[in-house]
Amino acid sequence: METDSRAQEWRQPRASPWPTRGEVHVWRVDLARLGALVAERAGVLSLDERERAALFRFEKDRLRFTLSRAALRTLLGLYLESSPGSVRFTQNRFGKPLLAGQTGRGPLHFNASHSKEMALYPPT
């Protein structure tokens, strides 16, 4: 089976990353590579997120949560053209996070998945 070589490329985000027609975005973040930046990245988390991170028993889990949530905020900030710290969340009836008070180009939906040191974010 032939594959399109472009499908295997991981690219840096454009200045305005909104998908064009027919595009699907999936962002991959290597949390281990961000580990040295945890103090800097933690600054974009809300008080609620920092309190949630503190509940993790193991330091590695606190770091993964902090880095994955900061990466999600950074990516959503690019799409929303706002700072990562200004991204606000609410929850659906199942407890999944949603963006609160969206303005601009329209609703942006997202998902987050992570396993150990790797996180994936497909904004939709």
C-alpha atoms as a PDB file:
ATOM      1  CA  MET A   1       0.000   0.000   0.000  1.00  0.00           C
ATOM      2  CA  GLU A   2       1.388   3.371  -0.980  1.00  0.00           C
ATOM      3  CA  THR A   3       1.358   6.232   1.492  1.00  0.00           C
ATOM      4  CA  ASP A   4       1.606   9.923   0.909  1.00  0.00           C
ATOM      5  CA  SER A   5       4.980  11.042   2.296  1.00  0.00           C
ATOM      6  CA  ARG A   6       3.409  14.296   3.488  1.00  0.00           C
ATOM      7  CA  ALA A   7       1.200  12.298   5.844  1.00  0.00           C
ATOM      8  CA  GLN A   8       4.254  11.326   7.874  1.00  0.00           C
ATOM      9  CA  GLU A   9       5.700  14.814   8.255  1.00  0.00           C
ATOM     10  CA  TRP A  10       5.358  16.663  11.542  1.00  0.00           C
ATOM     11  CA  ARG A  11       5.334  20.385  10.916  1.00  0.00           C
ATOM     12  CA  GLN A  12       5.643  23.533  12.964  1.00  0.00           C
ATOM     13  CA  PRO A  13       2.384  25.495  13.269  1.00  0.00           C
ATOM     14  CA  ARG A  14       1.651  28.279  10.810  1.00  0.00           C
ATOM     15  CA  ALA A  15       1.061  31.795  12.137  1.00  0.00           C
ATOM     16  CA  SER A  16      -2.671  31.176  11.717  1.00  0.00           C
ATOM     17  CA  PRO A  17      -3.082  27.422  12.087  1.00  0.00           C
ATOM     18  CA  TRP A  18      -6.797  27.073  11.294  1.00  0.00           C
ATOM     19  CA  PRO A  19      -7.260  24.070   9.034  1.00  0.00           C
ATOM     20  CA  THR A  20      -8.097  24.618   5.426  1.00  0.00           C
ATOM     21  CA  ARG A  21     -10.797  22.565   3.773  1.00  0.00           C
ATOM     22  CA  GLY A  22      -9.874  18.883   3.833  1.00  0.00           C
ATOM     23  CA  GLU A  23      -7.135  19.289   6.465  1.00  0.00           C
ATOM     24  CA  VAL A  24      -7.008  17.489   9.785  1.00  0.00           C
ATOM     25  CA  HIS A  25      -4.541  18.662  12.385  1.00  0.00           C
ATOM     26  CA  VAL A  26      -2.957  16.407  14.982  1.00  0.00           C
ATOM     27  CA  TRP A  27      -0.227  17.874  17.151  1.00  0.00           C
ATOM     28  CA  ARG A  28       2.347  15.587  18.727  1.00  0.00           C
ATOM     29  CA  VAL A  29       4.231  16.772  21.790  1.00  0.00           C
ATOM     30  CA  ASP A  30       7.188  14.948  23.300  1.00  0.00           C
ATOM     31  CA  LEU A  31       6.732  15.769  26.982  1.00  0.00           C
ATOM     32  CA  ALA A  32      10.210  14.475  27.877  1.00  0.00           C
ATOM     33  CA  ARG A  33      11.773  17.168  25.667  1.00  0.00           C
ATOM     34  CA  LEU A  34       9.784  19.855  27.497  1.00  0.00           C
ATOM     35  CA  GLY A  35      10.787  18.654  30.952  1.00  0.00           C
ATOM     36  CA  ALA A  36      13.480  21.297  31.431  1.00  0.00           C
ATOM     37  CA  LEU A  37      10.866  23.989  30.793  1.00  0.00           C
ATOM     38  CA  VAL A  38       8.356  22.827  33.408  1.00  0.00           C
ATOM     39  CA  ALA A  39       8.697  25.903  35.635  1.00  0.00           C
ATOM     40  CA  GLU A  40       8.200  28.237  32.663  1.00  0.00           C
ATOM     41  CA  ARG A  41       5.311  26.192  31.259  1.00  0.00           C
ATOM     42  CA  ALA A  42       3.517  25.871  34.614  1.00  0.00           C
ATOM     43  CA  GLY A  43       2.955  29.632  34.592  1.00  0.00           C
ATOM     44  CA  VAL A  44       0.230  29.353  31.939  1.00  0.00           C
ATOM     45  CA  LEU A  45      -1.899  26.955  34.008  1.00  0.00           C
ATOM     46  CA  SER A  46      -4.924  28.171  35.916  1.00  0.00           C
ATOM     47  CA  LEU A  47      -5.038  27.897  39.690  1.00  0.00           C
ATOM     48  CA  ASP A  48      -7.443  24.963  39.325  1.00  0.00           C
ATOM     49  CA  GLU A  49      -4.986  23.154  37.015  1.00  0.00           C
ATOM     50  CA  ARG A  50      -2.069  23.757  39.387  1.00  0.00           C
ATOM     51  CA  GLU A  51      -4.160  22.420  42.283  1.00  0.00           C
ATOM     52  CA  ARG A  52      -5.092  19.374  40.198  1.00  0.00           C
ATOM     53  CA  ALA A  53      -1.416  18.769  39.340  1.00  0.00           C
ATOM     54  CA  ALA A  54      -0.523  18.892  43.037  1.00  0.00           C
ATOM     55  CA  LEU A  55      -2.881  15.971  43.696  1.00  0.00           C
ATOM     56  CA  PHE A  56      -0.734  13.533  41.732  1.00  0.00           C
ATOM     57  CA  ARG A  57       1.184  11.236  44.038  1.00  0.00           C
ATOM     58  CA  PHE A  58       4.264  10.860  41.846  1.00  0.00           C
ATOM     59  CA  GLU A  59       6.392  13.746  40.595  1.00  0.00           C
ATOM     60  CA  LYS A  60       6.621  12.285  37.074  1.00  0.00           C
ATOM     61  CA  ASP A  61       2.808  12.308  36.842  1.00  0.00           C
ATOM     62  CA  ARG A  62       2.641  15.923  38.103  1.00  0.00           C
ATOM     63  CA  LEU A  63       5.185  16.931  35.472  1.00  0.00           C
ATOM     64  CA  ARG A  64       3.366  15.098  32.667  1.00  0.00           C
ATOM     65  CA  PHE A  65       0.046  16.679  33.600  1.00  0.00           C
ATOM     66  CA  THR A  66       1.584  20.154  33.857  1.00  0.00           C
ATOM     67  CA  LEU A  67       3.433  19.870  30.554  1.00  0.00           C
ATOM     68  CA  SER A  68       0.551  18.288  28.652  1.00  0.00           C
ATOM     69  CA  ARG A  69      -1.936  20.907  29.863  1.00  0.00           C
ATOM     70  CA  ALA A  70       0.508  23.743  29.126  1.00  0.00           C
ATOM     71  CA  ALA A  71       1.102  22.347  25.620  1.00  0.00           C
ATOM     72  CA  LEU A  72      -2.654  22.116  25.048  1.00  0.00           C
ATOM     73  CA  ARG A  73      -3.094  25.724  26.189  1.00  0.00           C
ATOM     74  CA  THR A  74      -0.244  26.839  23.915  1.00  0.00           C
ATOM     75  CA  LEU A  75      -1.752  25.119  20.858  1.00  0.00           C
ATOM     76  CA  LEU A  76      -5.265  26.380  21.562  1.00  0.00           C
ATOM     77  CA  GLY A  77      -3.832  29.864  22.087  1.00  0.00           C
ATOM     78  CA  LEU A  78      -2.376  29.720  18.558  1.00  0.00           C
ATOM     79  CA  TYR A  79      -5.751  28.817  17.085  1.00  0.00           C
ATOM     80  CA  LEU A  80      -7.605  31.404  19.158  1.00  0.00           C
ATOM     81  CA  GLU A  81      -4.908  34.054  18.664  1.00  0.00           C
ATOM     82  CA  SER A  82      -4.610  34.571  22.403  1.00  0.00           C
ATOM     83  CA  SER A  83      -2.101  33.872  25.124  1.00  0.00           C
ATOM     84  CA  PRO A  84      -2.018  30.341  26.581  1.00  0.00           C
ATOM     85  CA  GLY A  85      -2.859  31.701  30.023  1.00  0.00           C
ATOM     86  CA  SER A  86      -6.054  33.335  28.771  1.00  0.00           C
ATOM     87  CA  VAL A  87      -7.537  30.080  27.401  1.00  0.00           C
ATOM     88  CA  ARG A  88     -10.542  29.176  29.555  1.00  0.00           C
ATOM     89  CA  PHE A  89     -12.138  25.768  29.905  1.00  0.00           C
ATOM     90  CA  THR A  90     -15.494  24.444  30.955  1.00  0.00           C
ATOM     91  CA  GLN A  91     -16.695  20.833  31.024  1.00  0.00           C
ATOM     92  CA  ASN A  92     -19.343  18.830  29.255  1.00  0.00           C
ATOM     93  CA  ARG A  93     -21.685  16.561  31.189  1.00  0.00           C
ATOM     94  CA  PHE A  94     -19.083  13.764  31.068  1.00  0.00           C
ATOM     95  CA  GLY A  95     -16.303  15.917  32.531  1.00  0.00           C
ATOM     96  CA  LYS A  96     -14.433  16.389  29.237  1.00  0.00           C
ATOM     97  CA  PRO A  97     -12.902  19.858  28.833  1.00  0.00           C
ATOM     98  CA  LEU A  98     -14.396  22.326  26.345  1.00  0.00           C
ATOM     99  CA  LEU A  99     -13.350  25.837  25.449  1.00  0.00           C
ATOM    100  CA  ALA A 100     -15.352  28.485  27.297  1.00  0.00           C
ATOM    101  CA  GLY A 101     -16.501  31.728  25.688  1.00  0.00           C
ATOM    102  CA  GLN A 102     -15.122  31.201  22.187  1.00  0.00           C
ATOM    103  CA  THR A 103     -15.035  34.134  19.820  1.00  0.00           C
ATOM    104  CA  GLY A 104     -13.518  34.593  16.398  1.00  0.00           C
ATOM    105  CA  ARG A 105     -13.664  32.084  13.570  1.00  0.00           C
ATOM    106  CA  GLY A 106     -16.155  29.757  15.173  1.00  0.00           C
ATOM    107  CA  PRO A 107     -16.213  26.837  17.534  1.00  0.00           C
ATOM    108  CA  LEU A 108     -12.972  24.982  17.967  1.00  0.00           C
ATOM    109  CA  HIS A 109     -13.237  21.489  19.343  1.00  0.00           C
ATOM    110  CA  PHE A 110     -10.279  19.478  20.562  1.00  0.00           C
ATOM    111  CA  ASN A 111      -9.246  16.253  22.150  1.00  0.00           C
ATOM    112  CA  ALA A 112      -6.193  15.254  24.115  1.00  0.00           C
ATOM    113  CA  SER A 113      -4.571  11.872  24.451  1.00  0.00           C
ATOM    114  CA  HIS A 114      -1.354  10.985  26.197  1.00  0.00           C
ATOM    115  CA  SER A 115       0.715   7.991  27.109  1.00  0.00           C
ATOM    116  CA  LYS A 116       3.790   8.373  29.263  1.00  0.00           C
ATOM    117  CA  GLU A 117       5.996  10.955  27.517  1.00  0.00           C
ATOM    118  CA  MET A 118       3.898  11.511  24.376  1.00  0.00           C
ATOM    119  CA  ALA A 119       0.781  13.660  23.967  1.00  0.00           C
ATOM    120  CA  LEU A 120      -1.453  14.088  20.914  1.00  0.00           C
ATOM    121  CA  TYR A 121      -3.883  16.933  20.344  1.00  0.00           C
ATOM    122  CA  PRO A 122      -6.306  16.817  17.441  1.00  0.00           C
ATOM    123  CA  PRO A 123      -8.149  20.180  17.243  1.00  0.00           C
ATOM    124  CA  THR A 124     -11.291  19.739  15.172  1.00  0.00           C
END
